[in-house]
């Protein structure tokens, strides 16, 4: 899998979170199904936006140094956000090549395109010749003649055709640049993905992913230049829908720019993920605080309530390492339903619905619990953990509660300590229980307890 990653010039926002999470779930599910997955997510660390940000954040400083500082600063922010979300940001799960590390290989790739007659030089710039691309527009389902009607050549561009795109741009005064056969300059945006994907994954690979906004022109241009170099390129394309904020496109000018860190100050990562899971990856999704509250309520009422009931009744969520089906019910069918949903183009809304159904089953077992139900309940809980892991849900944000039986045993031990005159040990037990939210009330006859509200 090759996925278009971030251009690191600002704090990562929840649109970045959705993209990273969607492809992480796809990766997790393929691994769950037994595939060995080589996953690549690139980082664009050479770009006009990064250079512009460097001018603002480091005025007067050499741009060759300042742009690197900006790129590293926001890449670090991106990595931290992914770590906080529980999404891998490095090996062994993923490869994360940077554009700046591939400049040399990009010039070799571009040289080959020129030799093949599908690219041309123009006063220090190099452009891809769209007229030489077979079936250009096949990914976005656009006809070349219709695209040409609305195309324009920007000031300073030296291309033959308005649709031709830059593979290499000649250096501008003071801006970062690298040596090349065509003089100093830097690569165009589109070339980096063709070079990095083929270098790491070969001339053809299984899945290429990104946002729907990248279909044209970015991914269309990737196909043109890769096929122009004689490569078969990607077999399958997966594009996710875009995220809006209260029905509007996210933009700082609109005051609705929501960073990942900001949302994690109010909601745990599982709640944000549950919100993302509520929509199919290919569909747009509208972020509102009302919908986040709905996700929080669903998470607490389903998973939170179940795990707390298990904690209070048994003192542990892991009733036993295994557990099996019984003649009463087939827990395995929930797993099959989950897989059926995910096999249907990664239908996460249906997959999470199956998990909720399994939670409902567990609640019914607990309500009518007999000791003979322990195996089936254990199997059902382990299945929730297993399938939750596929969706990147940790359930670690649900407070662990202690069982009634364990509390009673601690009180009994404390009474023994008091009878033996070991009041320090008895006080330590009281303090430990208090830390776990249990309040003791001593009378002459006995000791009672209650949980903190």
Protein backbone atom coordinates (compact mmCIF):
# COMPACT_ATOMS: atom_id res chain seq x y z
CA UNK A 1 0.00 0.00 0.00
CA UNK A 2 1.14 3.51 -0.82
CA UNK A 3 -0.75 6.42 0.76
CA UNK A 4 -0.24 10.12 0.13
CA UNK A 5 0.78 11.59 3.48
CA UNK A 6 0.98 15.11 4.87
CA UNK A 7 2.63 18.26 3.58
CA UNK A 8 4.21 19.41 6.83
CA UNK A 9 3.71 23.16 7.12
CA UNK A 10 1.11 23.48 9.91
CA UNK A 11 -0.37 21.70 12.92
CA UNK A 12 -2.16 18.46 11.95
CA UNK A 13 -5.95 18.78 11.89
CA UNK A 14 -8.75 16.26 12.22
CA UNK A 15 -8.90 15.87 8.44
CA UNK A 16 -5.36 14.47 8.67
CA UNK A 17 -6.55 12.24 11.51
CA UNK A 18 -9.38 10.79 9.43
CA UNK A 19 -7.10 10.05 6.49
CA UNK A 20 -4.40 8.40 8.61
CA UNK A 21 -6.99 6.43 10.59
CA UNK A 22 -8.90 5.16 7.53
CA UNK A 23 -5.80 3.68 5.93
CA UNK A 24 -4.58 2.31 9.27
CA UNK A 25 -7.88 0.43 9.65
CA UNK A 26 -7.53 -0.94 6.11
CA UNK A 27 -3.97 -2.01 6.91
CA UNK A 28 -5.05 -3.62 10.18
CA UNK A 29 -7.86 -5.53 8.51
CA UNK A 30 -5.62 -6.87 5.76
CA UNK A 31 -3.15 -8.06 8.41
CA UNK A 32 -6.06 -9.62 10.36
CA UNK A 33 -7.04 -11.51 7.19
CA UNK A 34 -3.56 -12.94 6.91
CA UNK A 35 -1.87 -10.64 4.40
CA UNK A 36 1.69 -9.43 4.79
CA UNK A 37 1.36 -5.68 4.27
CA UNK A 38 4.13 -3.33 3.16
CA UNK A 39 2.67 0.07 3.98
CA UNK A 40 4.20 3.34 2.75
CA UNK A 41 3.01 6.84 3.68
CA UNK A 42 5.14 9.64 2.28
CA UNK A 43 5.94 13.04 3.77
CA UNK A 44 6.13 16.12 1.55
CA UNK A 45 8.79 18.26 3.21
CA UNK A 46 9.69 20.36 0.14
CA UNK A 47 6.86 22.61 -1.01
CA UNK A 48 5.81 26.23 -1.66
CA UNK A 49 3.64 26.23 1.48
CA UNK A 50 6.58 25.11 3.62
CA UNK A 51 8.82 27.80 2.15
CA UNK A 52 6.14 30.47 2.69
CA UNK A 53 5.75 29.34 6.32
CA UNK A 54 9.54 29.50 6.77
CA UNK A 55 9.51 33.13 5.65
CA UNK A 56 6.86 33.93 8.28
CA UNK A 57 8.27 31.93 11.19
CA UNK A 58 11.96 32.67 10.56
CA UNK A 59 12.08 36.11 8.90
CA UNK A 60 15.52 37.05 7.64
CA UNK A 61 16.96 33.54 8.10
CA UNK A 62 18.46 31.55 5.23
CA UNK A 63 15.51 29.71 3.64
CA UNK A 64 17.70 26.65 3.02
CA UNK A 65 17.85 26.25 6.80
CA UNK A 66 14.48 27.72 7.77
CA UNK A 67 12.39 25.42 5.57
CA UNK A 68 13.98 22.37 7.20
CA UNK A 69 13.12 23.72 10.65
CA UNK A 70 9.49 24.25 9.63
CA UNK A 71 9.20 20.80 8.05
CA UNK A 72 10.72 19.05 11.08
CA UNK A 73 8.64 21.05 13.57
CA UNK A 74 5.34 20.11 11.95
CA UNK A 75 6.40 16.55 11.17
CA UNK A 76 7.11 16.14 14.89
CA UNK A 77 3.61 17.52 15.62
CA UNK A 78 2.12 15.07 13.13
CA UNK A 79 3.98 12.14 14.69
CA UNK A 80 2.87 13.13 18.19
CA UNK A 81 -0.74 13.41 17.07
CA UNK A 82 -0.63 9.95 15.48
CA UNK A 83 1.00 8.50 18.59
CA UNK A 84 -1.75 10.02 20.76
CA UNK A 85 -4.32 8.49 18.40
CA UNK A 86 -2.65 5.07 18.50
CA UNK A 87 -1.77 5.17 14.79
CA UNK A 88 1.71 3.97 13.73
CA UNK A 89 4.10 6.63 12.45
CA UNK A 90 7.12 4.51 11.61
CA UNK A 91 8.58 1.03 11.36
CA UNK A 92 7.89 -1.80 11.67
CA UNK A 93 4.31 -1.02 10.63
CA UNK A 94 5.03 1.61 7.96
CA UNK A 95 7.71 3.18 5.80
CA UNK A 96 7.72 6.98 5.83
CA UNK A 97 9.97 8.37 3.08
CA UNK A 98 10.56 12.13 2.82
CA UNK A 99 10.59 13.99 -0.49
CA UNK A 100 13.87 15.72 0.43
CA UNK A 101 15.58 12.31 0.69
CA UNK A 102 14.61 11.38 -2.88
CA UNK A 103 15.76 14.40 -4.90
CA UNK A 104 18.55 12.46 -6.61
CA UNK A 105 16.27 9.59 -7.60
CA UNK A 106 13.70 12.10 -8.86
CA UNK A 107 16.25 13.63 -11.26
CA UNK A 108 17.10 10.14 -12.56
CA UNK A 109 13.38 9.41 -13.07
CA UNK A 110 12.84 12.72 -14.89
CA UNK A 111 15.88 12.14 -17.10
CA UNK A 112 14.38 8.81 -18.16
CA UNK A 113 11.06 10.50 -19.02
CA UNK A 114 12.90 12.99 -21.23
CA UNK A 115 14.76 10.16 -22.99
CA UNK A 116 11.46 8.38 -23.60
CA UNK A 117 10.08 11.49 -25.26
CA UNK A 118 7.24 12.12 -22.79
CA UNK A 119 8.84 15.12 -21.05
CA UNK A 120 10.69 18.19 -22.26
CA UNK A 121 12.99 20.93 -20.99
CA UNK A 122 12.02 24.59 -21.08
CA UNK A 123 14.64 27.07 -19.85
CA UNK A 124 15.57 25.21 -16.67
CA UNK A 125 12.10 23.78 -16.08
CA UNK A 126 10.99 20.29 -17.08
CA UNK A 127 7.38 19.48 -17.98
CA UNK A 128 5.47 16.29 -18.68
CA UNK A 129 3.89 16.27 -22.13
CA UNK A 130 0.23 15.39 -21.59
CA UNK A 131 -0.26 14.68 -25.30
CA UNK A 132 2.01 11.63 -24.84
CA UNK A 133 -0.06 10.17 -21.97
CA UNK A 134 -2.35 7.30 -22.91
CA UNK A 135 -5.89 7.57 -21.56
CA UNK A 136 -5.13 10.68 -19.48
CA UNK A 137 -8.17 11.33 -17.30
CA UNK A 138 -9.11 7.66 -16.84
CA UNK A 139 -8.98 7.84 -13.03
CA UNK A 140 -11.08 11.00 -12.75
CA UNK A 141 -13.30 10.02 -15.70
CA UNK A 142 -12.57 13.24 -17.55
CA UNK A 143 -12.06 13.64 -21.28
CA UNK A 144 -8.79 15.31 -22.30
CA UNK A 145 -10.41 17.64 -24.84
CA UNK A 146 -12.84 18.97 -22.21
CA UNK A 147 -10.04 19.54 -19.71
CA UNK A 148 -8.06 21.50 -22.30
CA UNK A 149 -10.94 23.95 -22.81
CA UNK A 150 -10.69 25.40 -19.29
CA UNK A 151 -6.91 25.05 -18.84
CA UNK A 152 -4.65 28.12 -18.59
CA UNK A 153 -0.92 28.80 -18.54
CA UNK A 154 0.15 30.74 -15.44
CA UNK A 155 2.53 33.69 -15.62
CA UNK A 156 6.13 32.51 -15.77
CA UNK A 157 5.30 29.00 -17.01
CA UNK A 158 6.99 27.84 -20.22
CA UNK A 159 4.93 24.78 -21.07
CA UNK A 160 3.66 23.82 -24.51
CA UNK A 161 0.20 22.75 -23.40
CA UNK A 162 -1.82 24.27 -20.52
CA UNK A 163 -2.32 20.79 -19.05
CA UNK A 164 1.39 19.90 -19.04
CA UNK A 165 2.66 19.78 -15.47
CA UNK A 166 6.02 20.54 -13.87
CA UNK A 167 8.43 17.72 -13.07
CA UNK A 168 11.26 20.11 -12.17
CA UNK A 169 11.11 23.84 -11.39
CA UNK A 170 14.13 26.12 -11.85
CA UNK A 171 15.44 27.81 -8.72
CA UNK A 172 14.11 31.14 -7.52
CA UNK A 173 16.36 33.64 -5.80
CA UNK A 174 16.99 32.66 -2.17
CA UNK A 175 14.75 29.58 -2.23
CA UNK A 176 15.94 26.03 -1.43
CA UNK A 177 17.35 24.29 -4.50
CA UNK A 178 19.29 21.24 -5.62
CA UNK A 179 21.65 20.54 -8.50
CA UNK A 180 20.22 18.79 -11.57
CA UNK A 181 21.05 18.21 -15.27
CA UNK A 182 18.83 21.25 -16.01
CA UNK A 183 20.37 23.58 -13.47
CA UNK A 184 19.52 24.34 -9.87
CA UNK A 185 15.90 23.84 -8.84
CA UNK A 186 13.51 21.58 -7.01
CA UNK A 187 11.03 18.88 -7.98
CA UNK A 188 7.38 19.37 -8.80
CA UNK A 189 4.89 17.91 -6.35
CA UNK A 190 3.54 15.01 -8.44
CA UNK A 191 6.88 13.38 -9.25
CA UNK A 192 7.74 12.51 -5.64
CA UNK A 193 5.00 9.89 -5.24
CA UNK A 194 5.84 8.08 -8.50
CA UNK A 195 9.49 7.91 -7.51
CA UNK A 196 9.05 6.89 -3.89
CA UNK A 197 6.34 4.29 -4.53
CA UNK A 198 8.25 2.56 -7.33
CA UNK A 199 11.54 2.68 -5.40
CA UNK A 200 10.05 1.03 -2.32
CA UNK A 201 7.22 -1.12 -3.72
CA UNK A 202 8.36 -1.80 -7.29
CA UNK A 203 6.91 -0.94 -10.69
CA UNK A 204 3.49 -2.27 -9.72
CA UNK A 205 1.85 -2.54 -6.33
CA UNK A 206 -1.58 -3.37 -4.97
CA UNK A 207 -3.19 -0.29 -3.40
CA UNK A 208 -2.72 3.46 -3.73
CA UNK A 209 -4.70 5.67 -1.36
CA UNK A 210 -5.43 9.29 -0.62
CA UNK A 211 -8.19 11.86 -0.31
CA UNK A 212 -10.79 12.30 -3.04
CA UNK A 213 -9.39 15.79 -3.65
CA UNK A 214 -6.14 14.20 -4.90
CA UNK A 215 -7.74 12.28 -7.79
CA UNK A 216 -7.24 15.23 -10.12
CA UNK A 217 -4.68 16.39 -10.88
CA UNK A 218 -2.27 14.71 -8.43
CA UNK A 219 -3.11 11.04 -8.89
CA UNK A 220 -3.95 11.49 -12.55
CA UNK A 221 -0.49 12.97 -13.06
CA UNK A 222 1.14 10.19 -11.04
CA UNK A 223 -0.38 7.65 -13.42
CA UNK A 224 0.73 9.60 -16.50
CA UNK A 225 4.37 9.95 -15.43
CA UNK A 226 4.64 6.40 -14.02
CA UNK A 227 3.16 4.79 -17.13
CA UNK A 228 5.29 7.17 -19.20
CA UNK A 229 8.31 5.57 -17.50
CA UNK A 230 7.07 2.09 -18.44
CA UNK A 231 5.68 1.20 -15.02
CA UNK A 232 2.32 -0.51 -14.47
CA UNK A 233 1.79 1.41 -11.22
CA UNK A 234 -1.17 0.84 -8.84
CA UNK A 235 -3.74 -1.93 -9.30
CA UNK A 236 -6.39 -0.50 -6.97
CA UNK A 237 -7.16 3.09 -5.96
CA UNK A 238 -8.85 3.92 -2.66
CA UNK A 239 -10.01 7.48 -2.03
CA UNK A 240 -11.66 8.72 1.15
CA UNK A 241 -14.31 11.43 1.36
CA UNK A 242 -13.51 14.83 2.76
CA UNK A 243 -14.24 16.16 6.23
CA UNK A 244 -16.15 19.38 6.79
CA UNK A 245 -16.77 21.41 9.95
CA UNK A 246 -20.41 22.26 10.60
CA UNK A 247 -21.09 21.94 6.88
CA UNK A 248 -18.17 24.15 5.81
CA UNK A 249 -14.75 23.42 4.43
CA UNK A 250 -12.15 23.72 7.17
CA UNK A 251 -10.07 26.89 6.90
CA UNK A 252 -8.27 29.20 9.31
CA UNK A 253 -9.92 32.17 7.62
CA UNK A 254 -13.32 30.77 8.69
CA UNK A 255 -12.16 30.17 12.25
CA UNK A 256 -13.05 26.46 12.09
CA UNK A 257 -9.56 24.94 11.91
CA UNK A 258 -9.68 22.06 14.42
CA UNK A 259 -6.33 20.49 15.32
CA UNK A 260 -6.00 16.91 16.49
CA UNK A 261 -4.50 17.99 19.81
CA UNK A 262 -7.37 20.38 20.46
CA UNK A 263 -10.03 17.71 20.02
CA UNK A 264 -8.08 15.23 22.16
CA UNK A 265 -8.23 17.70 25.03
CA UNK A 266 -11.98 17.04 25.24
CA UNK A 267 -12.41 13.53 23.86
CA UNK A 268 -10.44 10.33 24.09
CA UNK A 269 -9.09 8.85 20.83
CA UNK A 270 -11.59 5.97 20.81
CA UNK A 271 -14.49 8.45 20.71
CA UNK A 272 -12.98 10.29 17.74
CA UNK A 273 -12.41 6.96 16.00
CA UNK A 274 -15.99 5.89 16.67
CA UNK A 275 -17.12 9.13 15.02
CA UNK A 276 -14.98 8.34 11.96
CA UNK A 277 -16.29 4.75 11.86
CA UNK A 278 -19.87 6.01 11.66
CA UNK A 279 -19.39 6.95 8.00
CA UNK A 280 -18.10 4.84 5.12
CA UNK A 281 -14.55 5.86 4.23
CA UNK A 282 -15.58 6.97 0.72
CA UNK A 283 -18.33 9.24 2.04
CA UNK A 284 -17.89 12.81 3.25
CA UNK A 285 -18.27 13.34 6.98
CA UNK A 286 -19.34 16.49 8.79
CA UNK A 287 -17.68 17.18 12.13
CA UNK A 288 -19.85 18.83 14.77
CA UNK A 289 -19.63 18.86 18.56
CA UNK A 290 -23.15 17.40 18.66
CA UNK A 291 -21.99 14.37 16.67
CA UNK A 292 -18.93 14.00 18.87
CA UNK A 293 -21.16 14.00 21.95
CA UNK A 294 -23.29 11.31 20.29
CA UNK A 295 -20.18 9.22 19.71
CA UNK A 296 -19.07 9.75 23.30
CA UNK A 297 -22.49 8.66 24.60
CA UNK A 298 -22.51 5.58 22.36
CA UNK A 299 -18.98 4.65 23.45
CA UNK A 300 -19.76 5.04 27.16
CA UNK A 301 -23.18 3.39 27.04
CA UNK A 302 -22.02 0.41 25.00
CA UNK A 303 -18.38 -0.40 25.67
CA UNK A 304 -17.96 1.61 28.86
CA UNK A 305 -21.02 0.17 30.61
CA UNK A 306 -20.19 -3.39 29.62
CA UNK A 307 -16.58 -3.32 30.77
CA UNK A 308 -17.48 -1.64 34.05
CA UNK A 309 -20.12 -4.31 34.73
CA UNK A 310 -17.51 -6.98 34.05
CA UNK A 311 -15.01 -5.24 36.36
CA UNK A 312 -17.52 -4.98 39.21
CA UNK A 313 -18.78 -8.53 38.88
CA UNK A 314 -15.54 -10.39 38.22
CA UNK A 315 -12.74 -8.00 39.13
CA UNK A 316 -11.13 -8.41 35.72
CA UNK A 317 -12.10 -7.99 32.09
CA UNK A 318 -10.02 -10.98 31.11
CA UNK A 319 -12.16 -13.76 32.57
CA UNK A 320 -9.80 -16.33 31.09
CA UNK A 321 -7.35 -16.46 28.23
CA UNK A 322 -9.55 -18.48 25.91
CA UNK A 323 -13.18 -19.32 26.30
CA UNK A 324 -15.27 -21.24 23.78
CA UNK A 325 -18.64 -21.28 22.13
CA UNK A 326 -21.34 -23.41 23.69
CA UNK A 327 -24.54 -25.00 22.44
CA UNK A 328 -26.37 -21.89 23.72
CA UNK A 329 -25.03 -19.45 21.16
CA UNK A 330 -22.47 -19.14 18.38
CA UNK A 331 -20.24 -16.13 19.12
CA UNK A 332 -18.29 -16.94 15.99
CA UNK A 333 -21.19 -15.74 13.86
CA UNK A 334 -20.55 -12.20 15.12
CA UNK A 335 -17.01 -12.46 13.83
CA UNK A 336 -18.28 -13.68 10.48
CA UNK A 337 -20.76 -10.80 10.29
CA UNK A 338 -17.94 -8.39 11.12
CA UNK A 339 -15.77 -9.83 8.35
CA UNK A 340 -18.69 -9.73 5.91
CA UNK A 341 -19.09 -6.02 6.60
CA UNK A 342 -15.38 -5.27 6.22
CA UNK A 343 -15.12 -7.43 3.09
CA UNK A 344 -17.83 -5.20 1.59
CA UNK A 345 -15.45 -2.34 0.74
CA UNK A 346 -14.51 -1.82 4.40
CA UNK A 347 -18.04 -1.02 5.58
CA UNK A 348 -17.13 0.26 9.04
CA UNK A 349 -20.64 1.54 9.97
CA UNK A 350 -21.91 -2.03 9.62
CA UNK A 351 -18.83 -3.49 11.32
CA UNK A 352 -19.27 -1.29 14.40
CA UNK A 353 -22.96 -2.23 14.45
CA UNK A 354 -21.92 -5.88 14.74
CA UNK A 355 -19.66 -5.02 17.67
CA UNK A 356 -22.57 -3.23 19.37
CA UNK A 357 -24.72 -6.35 18.86
CA UNK A 358 -22.02 -8.45 20.52
CA UNK A 359 -21.97 -6.01 23.45
CA UNK A 360 -25.74 -6.47 23.73
CA UNK A 361 -25.30 -10.22 23.82
CA UNK A 362 -22.75 -9.93 26.65
CA UNK A 363 -25.14 -7.76 28.67
CA UNK A 364 -27.86 -10.41 28.33
CA UNK A 365 -25.49 -13.13 29.54
CA UNK A 366 -24.50 -11.04 32.57
CA UNK A 367 -28.13 -10.27 33.41
CA UNK A 368 -28.95 -14.02 33.60
CA UNK A 369 -25.47 -15.15 34.61
CA UNK A 370 -24.74 -18.68 35.80
CA UNK A 371 -21.27 -20.07 36.38
CA UNK A 372 -21.68 -22.25 33.29
CA UNK A 373 -21.82 -19.04 31.24
CA UNK A 374 -18.26 -18.06 32.12
CA UNK A 375 -16.67 -19.73 29.06
CA UNK A 376 -19.05 -18.18 26.55
CA UNK A 377 -18.83 -14.75 28.18
CA UNK A 378 -15.04 -14.93 28.15
CA UNK A 379 -15.10 -15.90 24.47
CA UNK A 380 -17.43 -13.02 23.63
CA UNK A 381 -15.27 -10.48 25.49
CA UNK A 382 -12.10 -11.73 23.83
CA UNK A 383 -13.85 -11.39 20.46
CA UNK A 384 -14.77 -7.77 21.24
CA UNK A 385 -11.12 -7.07 22.05
CA UNK A 386 -9.95 -8.85 18.91
CA UNK A 387 -12.32 -7.05 16.54
CA UNK A 388 -11.84 -3.76 18.36
CA UNK A 389 -8.11 -4.09 17.73
CA UNK A 390 -8.82 -4.39 13.99
CA UNK A 391 -10.58 -1.02 14.21
CA UNK A 392 -7.80 0.48 16.30
CA UNK A 393 -9.99 0.74 19.42
CA UNK A 394 -8.02 0.23 22.63
CA UNK A 395 -10.82 0.43 25.23
CA UNK A 396 -8.05 1.65 27.51
CA UNK A 397 -9.93 4.86 28.20
CA UNK A 398 -12.67 3.08 30.14
CA UNK A 399 -11.87 3.32 33.88
CA UNK A 400 -11.09 -0.03 35.49
CA UNK A 401 -13.36 -0.81 38.40
CA UNK A 402 -12.79 -3.31 41.17
CA UNK A 403 -15.16 -6.19 41.85
CA UNK A 404 -17.40 -6.35 44.90
CA UNK A 405 -15.77 -9.64 45.88
CA UNK A 406 -12.28 -8.11 45.84
CA UNK A 407 -13.43 -5.13 47.94
CA UNK A 408 -15.01 -7.49 50.49
CA UNK A 409 -11.79 -9.50 50.70
CA UNK A 410 -9.77 -6.31 51.30
CA UNK A 411 -12.13 -5.26 54.10
CA UNK A 412 -11.83 -8.70 55.68
CA UNK A 413 -8.02 -8.47 55.55
CA UNK A 414 -8.18 -4.99 57.07
CA UNK A 415 -10.30 -6.23 59.99
CA UNK A 416 -7.77 -8.99 60.65
CA UNK A 417 -4.95 -6.44 60.65
CA UNK A 418 -6.82 -4.29 63.19
CA UNK A 419 -7.45 -7.30 65.48
CA UNK A 420 -3.74 -8.07 65.34
CA UNK A 421 -2.94 -4.48 66.21
CA UNK A 422 -1.38 -3.82 62.79
CA UNK A 423 -3.09 -0.47 62.40
CA UNK A 424 -0.55 0.87 59.91
CA UNK A 425 -1.28 -1.98 57.51
CA UNK A 426 -5.03 -1.54 58.06
CA UNK A 427 -4.76 2.17 57.24
CA UNK A 428 -2.81 1.35 54.09
CA UNK A 429 -5.68 -0.87 52.89
CA UNK A 430 -8.17 1.94 53.55
CA UNK A 431 -5.99 4.36 51.57
CA UNK A 432 -5.63 1.89 48.68
CA UNK A 433 -9.40 1.41 48.54
CA UNK A 434 -9.93 5.16 48.64
CA UNK A 435 -7.65 5.57 45.61
CA UNK A 436 -9.83 3.09 43.74
CA UNK A 437 -12.95 5.08 44.55
CA UNK A 438 -14.19 2.99 47.48
CA UNK A 439 -15.26 4.71 50.70
CA UNK A 440 -15.27 2.72 53.97
CA UNK A 441 -17.62 3.48 56.83
CA UNK A 442 -16.76 1.85 60.17
CA UNK A 443 -19.32 1.20 62.92
CA UNK A 444 -19.01 -0.72 66.20
CA UNK A 445 -20.65 -3.75 64.62
CA UNK A 446 -19.18 -3.84 61.12
CA UNK A 447 -17.61 -2.01 58.18
CA UNK A 448 -19.69 -1.03 55.17
CA UNK A 449 -18.54 0.47 51.89
CA UNK A 450 -19.79 2.45 48.93
CA UNK A 451 -18.34 3.66 45.66
CA UNK A 452 -17.59 7.29 45.06
CA UNK A 453 -20.10 8.90 42.75
